[in-house]
Amino acid sequence: MSTASDHERDEEEIIQNHLELTEPLLPKSDADDDNLEEEVEDNLPCASRMLFFQSIYFLSGLSASTWGRFGIVYYDQVKHLSSEEIGVLQGLLRLVGFVTLPFWGYIADIIRSRKAVYLFCNSLSMLSLLSLSKAQTFPSILGCVISMASFKSSGVLDAHVLDFLGEKHRSLYGKIRLMTAISWGLGAVVMGWITDEYGFEWNFLLFAIMMSTVLLVTAFGLPARSKKEQAQ
């Protein structure tokens, strides 16, 4: 025999089923659309921005390949430095870079703009390398090398990319960073042939062209601050 409480439960079930059937038919508000877009952004990085970062890394590796493997040869065959002097240059290049790399990361955190630090450092580093072609004495060459190492800031770009990817998609960082290895390998082969055929002047020229392209793409394509920097 049914009771009043049983009738009440039946009525509640009927009402609940009716709401579930009619809920998809209710119009969505603008707030719902905004939440949906945020959810998509949180779960899937923008493909165009992924391609943008891959392009920057590719061009950066390509510009670095014009000099990275040929520095010692240049010091020896063009500048006619001794083995000891070349060893000093190579050692200081790594030692100074080891110190200044975290320093520029610290500066970027203070001013909350990794883009500004990246552009500043790479502009001065590019000028330092280009001035090496005009240096004639070992002290002037040493000054150019120290200046190049002092403005090394590749880690700043890495941090910006990791901000973009977020905690959920940090595994995609390898796919972006891979472009540097690919362009470095291709560039080294091509630049080896160019250097043999046309001399080191072309190394400096191609470096200036490609590094300038990197700076322009970064300046006009990268937001002034990442979302994490804006939130700080």
C-alpha atoms as a PDB file:
ATOM      1  CA  MET A   1       0.000   0.000   0.000  1.00  0.00           C
ATOM      2  CA  SER A   2       1.494   3.314  -1.090  1.00  0.00           C
ATOM      3  CA  THR A   3       2.007   6.127   1.337  1.00  0.00           C
ATOM      4  CA  ALA A   4       2.119   9.917   0.978  1.00  0.00           C
ATOM      5  CA  SER A   5       5.905   9.874   1.144  1.00  0.00           C
ATOM      6  CA  ASP A   6       6.015   7.434  -1.786  1.00  0.00           C
ATOM      7  CA  HIS A   7       3.865   9.783  -3.867  1.00  0.00           C
ATOM      8  CA  GLU A   8       6.182  12.686  -3.014  1.00  0.00           C
ATOM      9  CA  ARG A   9       9.248  10.730  -4.125  1.00  0.00           C
ATOM     10  CA  ASP A  10       7.544   9.810  -7.403  1.00  0.00           C
ATOM     11  CA  GLU A  11       6.706  13.439  -8.082  1.00  0.00           C
ATOM     12  CA  GLU A  12      10.306  14.515  -7.368  1.00  0.00           C
ATOM     13  CA  GLU A  13      11.650  11.893  -9.797  1.00  0.00           C
ATOM     14  CA  ILE A  14       9.244  13.071 -12.531  1.00  0.00           C
ATOM     15  CA  ILE A  15      10.306  16.687 -12.057  1.00  0.00           C
ATOM     16  CA  GLN A  16      14.028  15.755 -12.075  1.00  0.00           C
ATOM     17  CA  ASN A  17      13.665  13.732 -15.281  1.00  0.00           C
ATOM     18  CA  HIS A  18      11.827  16.614 -16.906  1.00  0.00           C
ATOM     19  CA  LEU A  19      14.630  19.048 -16.024  1.00  0.00           C
ATOM     20  CA  GLU A  20      17.301  16.707 -17.416  1.00  0.00           C
ATOM     21  CA  LEU A  21      15.406  16.398 -20.713  1.00  0.00           C
ATOM     22  CA  THR A  22      14.809  20.107 -21.134  1.00  0.00           C
ATOM     23  CA  GLU A  23      18.222  21.396 -19.933  1.00  0.00           C
ATOM     24  CA  PRO A  24      20.042  20.937 -23.308  1.00  0.00           C
ATOM     25  CA  LEU A  25      17.290  22.980 -24.950  1.00  0.00           C
ATOM     26  CA  LEU A  26      17.886  26.021 -22.759  1.00  0.00           C
ATOM     27  CA  PRO A  27      19.817  28.837 -24.471  1.00  0.00           C
ATOM     28  CA  LYS A  28      23.434  29.378 -23.364  1.00  0.00           C
ATOM     29  CA  SER A  29      24.503  32.705 -22.003  1.00  0.00           C
ATOM     30  CA  ASP A  30      27.601  34.662 -23.048  1.00  0.00           C
ATOM     31  CA  ALA A  31      29.184  33.741 -19.735  1.00  0.00           C
ATOM     32  CA  ASP A  32      28.790  30.044 -20.595  1.00  0.00           C
ATOM     33  CA  ASP A  33      30.544  30.628 -23.941  1.00  0.00           C
ATOM     34  CA  ASP A  34      33.403  32.468 -22.220  1.00  0.00           C
ATOM     35  CA  ASN A  35      33.835  29.636 -19.742  1.00  0.00           C
ATOM     36  CA  LEU A  36      33.859  27.128 -22.587  1.00  0.00           C
ATOM     37  CA  GLU A  37      36.563  29.071 -24.433  1.00  0.00           C
ATOM     38  CA  GLU A  38      38.683  29.263 -21.282  1.00  0.00           C
ATOM     39  CA  GLU A  39      38.265  25.528 -20.772  1.00  0.00           C
ATOM     40  CA  VAL A  40      39.411  24.820 -24.337  1.00  0.00           C
ATOM     41  CA  GLU A  41      42.427  27.098 -23.897  1.00  0.00           C
ATOM     42  CA  ASP A  42      43.345  25.342 -20.659  1.00  0.00           C
ATOM     43  CA  ASN A  43      43.172  21.902 -22.233  1.00  0.00           C
ATOM     44  CA  LEU A  44      44.688  22.561 -25.676  1.00  0.00           C
ATOM     45  CA  PRO A  45      47.423  25.133 -26.512  1.00  0.00           C
ATOM     46  CA  CYS A  46      46.685  27.357 -29.490  1.00  0.00           C
ATOM     47  CA  ALA A  47      48.090  25.748 -32.650  1.00  0.00           C
ATOM     48  CA  SER A  48      49.090  29.082 -34.187  1.00  0.00           C
ATOM     49  CA  ARG A  49      51.010  30.091 -31.066  1.00  0.00           C
ATOM     50  CA  MET A  50      52.738  26.688 -30.989  1.00  0.00           C
ATOM     51  CA  LEU A  51      53.809  27.251 -34.599  1.00  0.00           C
ATOM     52  CA  PHE A  52      54.973  30.760 -33.710  1.00  0.00           C
ATOM     53  CA  PHE A  53      57.272  29.527 -30.957  1.00  0.00           C
ATOM     54  CA  GLN A  54      58.565  26.719 -33.155  1.00  0.00           C
ATOM     55  CA  SER A  55      59.423  29.312 -35.821  1.00  0.00           C
ATOM     56  CA  ILE A  56      61.376  31.415 -33.313  1.00  0.00           C
ATOM     57  CA  TYR A  57      63.348  28.401 -32.115  1.00  0.00           C
ATOM     58  CA  PHE A  58      64.008  27.300 -35.676  1.00  0.00           C
ATOM     59  CA  LEU A  59      65.321  30.717 -36.716  1.00  0.00           C
ATOM     60  CA  SER A  60      67.352  31.027 -33.520  1.00  0.00           C
ATOM     61  CA  GLY A  61      69.045  27.696 -34.137  1.00  0.00           C
ATOM     62  CA  LEU A  62      69.656  28.610 -37.755  1.00  0.00           C
ATOM     63  CA  SER A  63      71.290  31.922 -36.855  1.00  0.00           C
ATOM     64  CA  ALA A  64      73.407  30.249 -34.160  1.00  0.00           C
ATOM     65  CA  SER A  65      74.623  27.646 -36.654  1.00  0.00           C
ATOM     66  CA  THR A  66      76.309  30.368 -38.715  1.00  0.00           C
ATOM     67  CA  TRP A  67      78.836  30.861 -35.925  1.00  0.00           C
ATOM     68  CA  GLY A  68      78.665  28.140 -33.272  1.00  0.00           C
ATOM     69  CA  ARG A  69      80.798  25.507 -35.008  1.00  0.00           C
ATOM     70  CA  PHE A  70      83.086  27.913 -36.806  1.00  0.00           C
ATOM     71  CA  GLY A  71      84.322  30.160 -34.009  1.00  0.00           C
ATOM     72  CA  ILE A  72      87.507  28.209 -33.304  1.00  0.00           C
ATOM     73  CA  VAL A  73      88.303  27.960 -37.013  1.00  0.00           C
ATOM     74  CA  TYR A  74      87.759  31.695 -37.388  1.00  0.00           C
ATOM     75  CA  TYR A  75      90.061  32.530 -34.492  1.00  0.00           C
ATOM     76  CA  ASP A  76      92.731  30.255 -35.913  1.00  0.00           C
ATOM     77  CA  GLN A  77      92.604  30.942 -39.643  1.00  0.00           C
ATOM     78  CA  VAL A  78      91.420  34.561 -39.772  1.00  0.00           C
ATOM     79  CA  LYS A  79      92.527  36.131 -36.486  1.00  0.00           C
ATOM     80  CA  HIS A  80      95.646  33.917 -36.206  1.00  0.00           C
ATOM     81  CA  LEU A  81      95.333  33.415 -32.465  1.00  0.00           C
ATOM     82  CA  SER A  82      97.382  30.867 -30.550  1.00  0.00           C
ATOM     83  CA  SER A  83      95.889  27.709 -29.061  1.00  0.00           C
ATOM     84  CA  GLU A  84      96.190  29.223 -25.579  1.00  0.00           C
ATOM     85  CA  GLU A  85      94.340  32.377 -26.600  1.00  0.00           C
ATOM     86  CA  ILE A  86      91.577  30.369 -28.255  1.00  0.00           C
ATOM     87  CA  GLY A  87      91.263  28.271 -25.105  1.00  0.00           C
ATOM     88  CA  VAL A  88      90.870  31.423 -23.005  1.00  0.00           C
ATOM     89  CA  LEU A  89      88.144  32.742 -25.303  1.00  0.00           C
ATOM     90  CA  GLN A  90      86.193  29.505 -25.295  1.00  0.00           C
ATOM     91  CA  GLY A  91      86.524  29.114 -21.545  1.00  0.00           C
ATOM     92  CA  LEU A  92      85.370  32.657 -20.812  1.00  0.00           C
ATOM     93  CA  LEU A  93      82.476  32.300 -23.242  1.00  0.00           C
ATOM     94  CA  ARG A  94      81.048  29.462 -21.171  1.00  0.00           C
ATOM     95  CA  LEU A  95      82.001  30.814 -17.768  1.00  0.00           C
ATOM     96  CA  VAL A  96      80.477  34.257 -18.306  1.00  0.00           C
ATOM     97  CA  GLY A  97      77.387  32.753 -19.910  1.00  0.00           C
ATOM     98  CA  PHE A  98      76.950  30.441 -16.924  1.00  0.00           C
ATOM     99  CA  VAL A  99      76.817  33.477 -14.618  1.00  0.00           C
ATOM    100  CA  THR A 100      74.759  35.875 -16.722  1.00  0.00           C
ATOM    101  CA  LEU A 101      72.053  33.435 -17.854  1.00  0.00           C
ATOM    102  CA  PRO A 102      70.327  33.240 -14.430  1.00  0.00           C
ATOM    103  CA  PHE A 103      70.975  36.957 -13.930  1.00  0.00           C
ATOM    104  CA  TRP A 104      68.851  37.922 -16.927  1.00  0.00           C
ATOM    105  CA  GLY A 105      66.172  35.510 -15.782  1.00  0.00           C
ATOM    106  CA  TYR A 106      66.127  37.326 -12.454  1.00  0.00           C
ATOM    107  CA  ILE A 107      65.828  40.699 -14.215  1.00  0.00           C
ATOM    108  CA  ALA A 108      62.957  39.388 -16.337  1.00  0.00           C
ATOM    109  CA  ASP A 109      61.109  38.312 -13.196  1.00  0.00           C
ATOM    110  CA  ILE A 110      61.614  41.740 -11.599  1.00  0.00           C
ATOM    111  CA  ILE A 111      60.319  43.787 -14.524  1.00  0.00           C
ATOM    112  CA  ARG A 112      57.751  41.092 -15.422  1.00  0.00           C
ATOM    113  CA  SER A 113      58.582  41.168 -19.124  1.00  0.00           C
ATOM    114  CA  ARG A 114      60.644  38.318 -20.526  1.00  0.00           C
ATOM    115  CA  LYS A 115      60.055  39.679 -24.001  1.00  0.00           C
ATOM    116  CA  ALA A 116      61.816  42.981 -23.224  1.00  0.00           C
ATOM    117  CA  VAL A 117      64.819  41.185 -21.710  1.00  0.00           C
ATOM    118  CA  TYR A 118      65.027  38.755 -24.630  1.00  0.00           C
ATOM    119  CA  LEU A 119      64.993  41.542 -27.224  1.00  0.00           C
ATOM    120  CA  PHE A 120      67.482  43.672 -25.285  1.00  0.00           C
ATOM    121  CA  CYS A 121      69.981  40.861 -24.722  1.00  0.00           C
ATOM    122  CA  ASN A 122      69.826  39.405 -28.209  1.00  0.00           C
ATOM    123  CA  SER A 123      70.184  42.816 -29.848  1.00  0.00           C
ATOM    124  CA  LEU A 124      73.375  43.555 -27.913  1.00  0.00           C
ATOM    125  CA  SER A 125      74.675  40.024 -28.374  1.00  0.00           C
ATOM    126  CA  MET A 126      74.166  40.336 -32.134  1.00  0.00           C
ATOM    127  CA  LEU A 127      76.061  43.640 -32.241  1.00  0.00           C
ATOM    128  CA  SER A 128      78.877  42.125 -30.176  1.00  0.00           C
ATOM    129  CA  LEU A 129      79.306  39.236 -32.591  1.00  0.00           C
ATOM    130  CA  LEU A 130      79.210  41.485 -35.632  1.00  0.00           C
ATOM    131  CA  SER A 131      81.840  43.772 -34.092  1.00  0.00           C
ATOM    132  CA  LEU A 132      84.115  40.739 -33.809  1.00  0.00           C
ATOM    133  CA  SER A 133      84.734  40.965 -37.554  1.00  0.00           C
ATOM    134  CA  LYS A 134      86.378  44.369 -37.017  1.00  0.00           C
ATOM    135  CA  ALA A 135      88.433  43.459 -33.949  1.00  0.00           C
ATOM    136  CA  GLN A 136      92.150  43.137 -34.678  1.00  0.00           C
ATOM    137  CA  THR A 137      93.911  42.608 -31.340  1.00  0.00           C
ATOM    138  CA  PHE A 138      93.429  39.886 -28.768  1.00  0.00           C
ATOM    139  CA  PRO A 139      92.087  42.337 -26.084  1.00  0.00           C
ATOM    140  CA  SER A 140      89.462  43.680 -28.500  1.00  0.00           C
ATOM    141  CA  ILE A 141      88.491  40.150 -29.518  1.00  0.00           C
ATOM    142  CA  LEU A 142      88.311  39.217 -25.848  1.00  0.00           C
ATOM    143  CA  GLY A 143      85.994  42.173 -25.199  1.00  0.00           C
ATOM    144  CA  CYS A 144      83.650  41.074 -28.011  1.00  0.00           C
ATOM    145  CA  VAL A 145      83.506  37.520 -26.697  1.00  0.00           C
ATOM    146  CA  ILE A 146      82.809  38.629 -23.127  1.00  0.00           C
ATOM    147  CA  SER A 147      80.099  40.968 -24.401  1.00  0.00           C
ATOM    148  CA  MET A 148      78.476  38.154 -26.388  1.00  0.00           C
ATOM    149  CA  ALA A 149      78.459  35.878 -23.354  1.00  0.00           C
ATOM    150  CA  SER A 150      77.194  38.638 -21.052  1.00  0.00           C
ATOM    151  CA  PHE A 151      73.944  38.955 -22.977  1.00  0.00           C
ATOM    152  CA  LYS A 152      73.107  35.280 -23.284  1.00  0.00           C
ATOM    153  CA  SER A 153      69.412  34.926 -22.452  1.00  0.00           C
ATOM    154  CA  SER A 154      68.034  31.819 -24.134  1.00  0.00           C
ATOM    155  CA  GLY A 155      66.535  30.679 -20.827  1.00  0.00           C
ATOM    156  CA  VAL A 156      64.244  33.711 -20.821  1.00  0.00           C
ATOM    157  CA  LEU A 157      62.486  32.493 -23.958  1.00  0.00           C
ATOM    158  CA  ASP A 158      62.270  28.979 -22.528  1.00  0.00           C
ATOM    159  CA  ALA A 159      60.514  30.317 -19.435  1.00  0.00           C
ATOM    160  CA  HIS A 160      58.052  32.269 -21.579  1.00  0.00           C
ATOM    161  CA  VAL A 161      57.187  29.139 -23.579  1.00  0.00           C
ATOM    162  CA  LEU A 162      56.661  27.119 -20.391  1.00  0.00           C
ATOM    163  CA  ASP A 163      54.311  29.846 -19.140  1.00  0.00           C
ATOM    164  CA  PHE A 164      52.321  29.529 -22.341  1.00  0.00           C
ATOM    165  CA  LEU A 165      52.106  25.751 -22.126  1.00  0.00           C
ATOM    166  CA  GLY A 166      51.142  25.687 -18.459  1.00  0.00           C
ATOM    167  CA  GLU A 167      51.469  22.750 -16.102  1.00  0.00           C
ATOM    168  CA  LYS A 168      49.168  20.491 -18.133  1.00  0.00           C
ATOM    169  CA  HIS A 169      51.110  20.695 -21.388  1.00  0.00           C
ATOM    170  CA  ARG A 170      54.764  21.025 -20.403  1.00  0.00           C
ATOM    171  CA  SER A 171      55.446  17.765 -22.236  1.00  0.00           C
ATOM    172  CA  LEU A 172      54.930  19.685 -25.507  1.00  0.00           C
ATOM    173  CA  TYR A 173      57.980  21.828 -24.755  1.00  0.00           C
ATOM    174  CA  GLY A 174      60.217  19.182 -26.317  1.00  0.00           C
ATOM    175  CA  LYS A 175      58.390  19.473 -29.644  1.00  0.00           C
ATOM    176  CA  ILE A 176      59.006  23.221 -29.682  1.00  0.00           C
ATOM    177  CA  ARG A 177      62.623  22.983 -28.548  1.00  0.00           C
ATOM    178  CA  LEU A 178      63.299  20.272 -31.130  1.00  0.00           C
ATOM    179  CA  MET A 179      63.177  22.893 -33.878  1.00  0.00           C
ATOM    180  CA  THR A 180      66.459  24.361 -32.601  1.00  0.00           C
ATOM    181  CA  ALA A 181      68.234  21.017 -32.982  1.00  0.00           C
ATOM    182  CA  ILE A 182      66.821  20.516 -36.482  1.00  0.00           C
ATOM    183  CA  SER A 183      67.775  23.979 -37.717  1.00  0.00           C
ATOM    184  CA  TRP A 184      71.192  23.783 -36.041  1.00  0.00           C
ATOM    185  CA  GLY A 185      71.982  20.516 -37.817  1.00  0.00           C
ATOM    186  CA  LEU A 186      70.774  21.727 -41.212  1.00  0.00           C
ATOM    187  CA  GLY A 187      72.413  25.123 -40.818  1.00  0.00           C
ATOM    188  CA  ALA A 188      75.768  23.689 -39.803  1.00  0.00           C
ATOM    189  CA  VAL A 189      75.950  21.585 -42.968  1.00  0.00           C
ATOM    190  CA  VAL A 190      74.934  24.441 -45.257  1.00  0.00           C
ATOM    191  CA  MET A 191      77.180  26.975 -43.507  1.00  0.00           C
ATOM    192  CA  GLY A 192      80.132  24.614 -43.753  1.00  0.00           C
ATOM    193  CA  TRP A 193      79.791  24.629 -47.527  1.00  0.00           C
ATOM    194  CA  ILE A 194      79.222  28.397 -47.681  1.00  0.00           C
ATOM    195  CA  THR A 195      82.275  29.085 -45.518  1.00  0.00           C
ATOM    196  CA  ASP A 196      84.490  26.871 -47.684  1.00  0.00           C
ATOM    197  CA  GLU A 197      83.256  28.455 -50.898  1.00  0.00           C
ATOM    198  CA  TYR A 198      82.851  32.119 -49.985  1.00  0.00           C
ATOM    199  CA  GLY A 199      84.689  32.775 -46.719  1.00  0.00           C
ATOM    200  CA  PHE A 200      83.693  33.913 -43.243  1.00  0.00           C
ATOM    201  CA  GLU A 201      82.213  37.212 -44.404  1.00  0.00           C
ATOM    202  CA  TRP A 202      79.068  35.309 -45.337  1.00  0.00           C
ATOM    203  CA  ASN A 203      78.816  33.858 -41.837  1.00  0.00           C
ATOM    204  CA  PHE A 204      78.509  37.325 -40.376  1.00  0.00           C
ATOM    205  CA  LEU A 205      76.123  38.489 -43.094  1.00  0.00           C
ATOM    206  CA  LEU A 206      73.752  35.536 -42.774  1.00  0.00           C
ATOM    207  CA  PHE A 207      73.883  35.727 -38.991  1.00  0.00           C
ATOM    208  CA  ALA A 208      72.857  39.402 -39.108  1.00  0.00           C
ATOM    209  CA  ILE A 209      69.965  38.668 -41.490  1.00  0.00           C
ATOM    210  CA  MET A 210      68.567  35.698 -39.580  1.00  0.00           C
ATOM    211  CA  MET A 211      69.046  37.167 -36.103  1.00  0.00           C
ATOM    212  CA  SER A 212      67.375  40.405 -37.208  1.00  0.00           C
ATOM    213  CA  THR A 213      64.454  38.307 -38.460  1.00  0.00           C
ATOM    214  CA  VAL A 214      64.191  36.594 -35.077  1.00  0.00           C
ATOM    215  CA  LEU A 215      64.119  39.944 -33.293  1.00  0.00           C
ATOM    216  CA  LEU A 216      61.481  41.373 -35.629  1.00  0.00           C
ATOM    217  CA  VAL A 217      59.248  38.307 -35.368  1.00  0.00           C
ATOM    218  CA  THR A 218      59.566  38.362 -31.588  1.00  0.00           C
ATOM    219  CA  ALA A 219      58.978  42.107 -31.323  1.00  0.00           C
ATOM    220  CA  PHE A 220      55.782  42.095 -33.382  1.00  0.00           C
ATOM    221  CA  GLY A 221      54.447  38.607 -32.663  1.00  0.00           C
ATOM    222  CA  LEU A 222      55.046  38.015 -28.967  1.00  0.00           C
ATOM    223  CA  PRO A 223      52.793  39.665 -26.349  1.00  0.00           C
ATOM    224  CA  ALA A 224      54.532  42.162 -24.068  1.00  0.00           C
ATOM    225  CA  ARG A 225      53.755  39.956 -21.083  1.00  0.00           C
ATOM    226  CA  SER A 226      52.602  36.384 -20.661  1.00  0.00           C
ATOM    227  CA  LYS A 227      49.422  35.608 -18.704  1.00  0.00           C
ATOM    228  CA  LYS A 228      51.512  34.589 -15.719  1.00  0.00           C
ATOM    229  CA  GLU A 229      53.435  37.865 -15.799  1.00  0.00           C
ATOM    230  CA  GLN A 230      50.195  39.835 -16.049  1.00  0.00           C
ATOM    231  CA  ALA A 231      48.824  38.019 -13.029  1.00  0.00           C
ATOM    232  CA  GLN A 232      51.840  38.870 -10.850  1.00  0.00           C
END
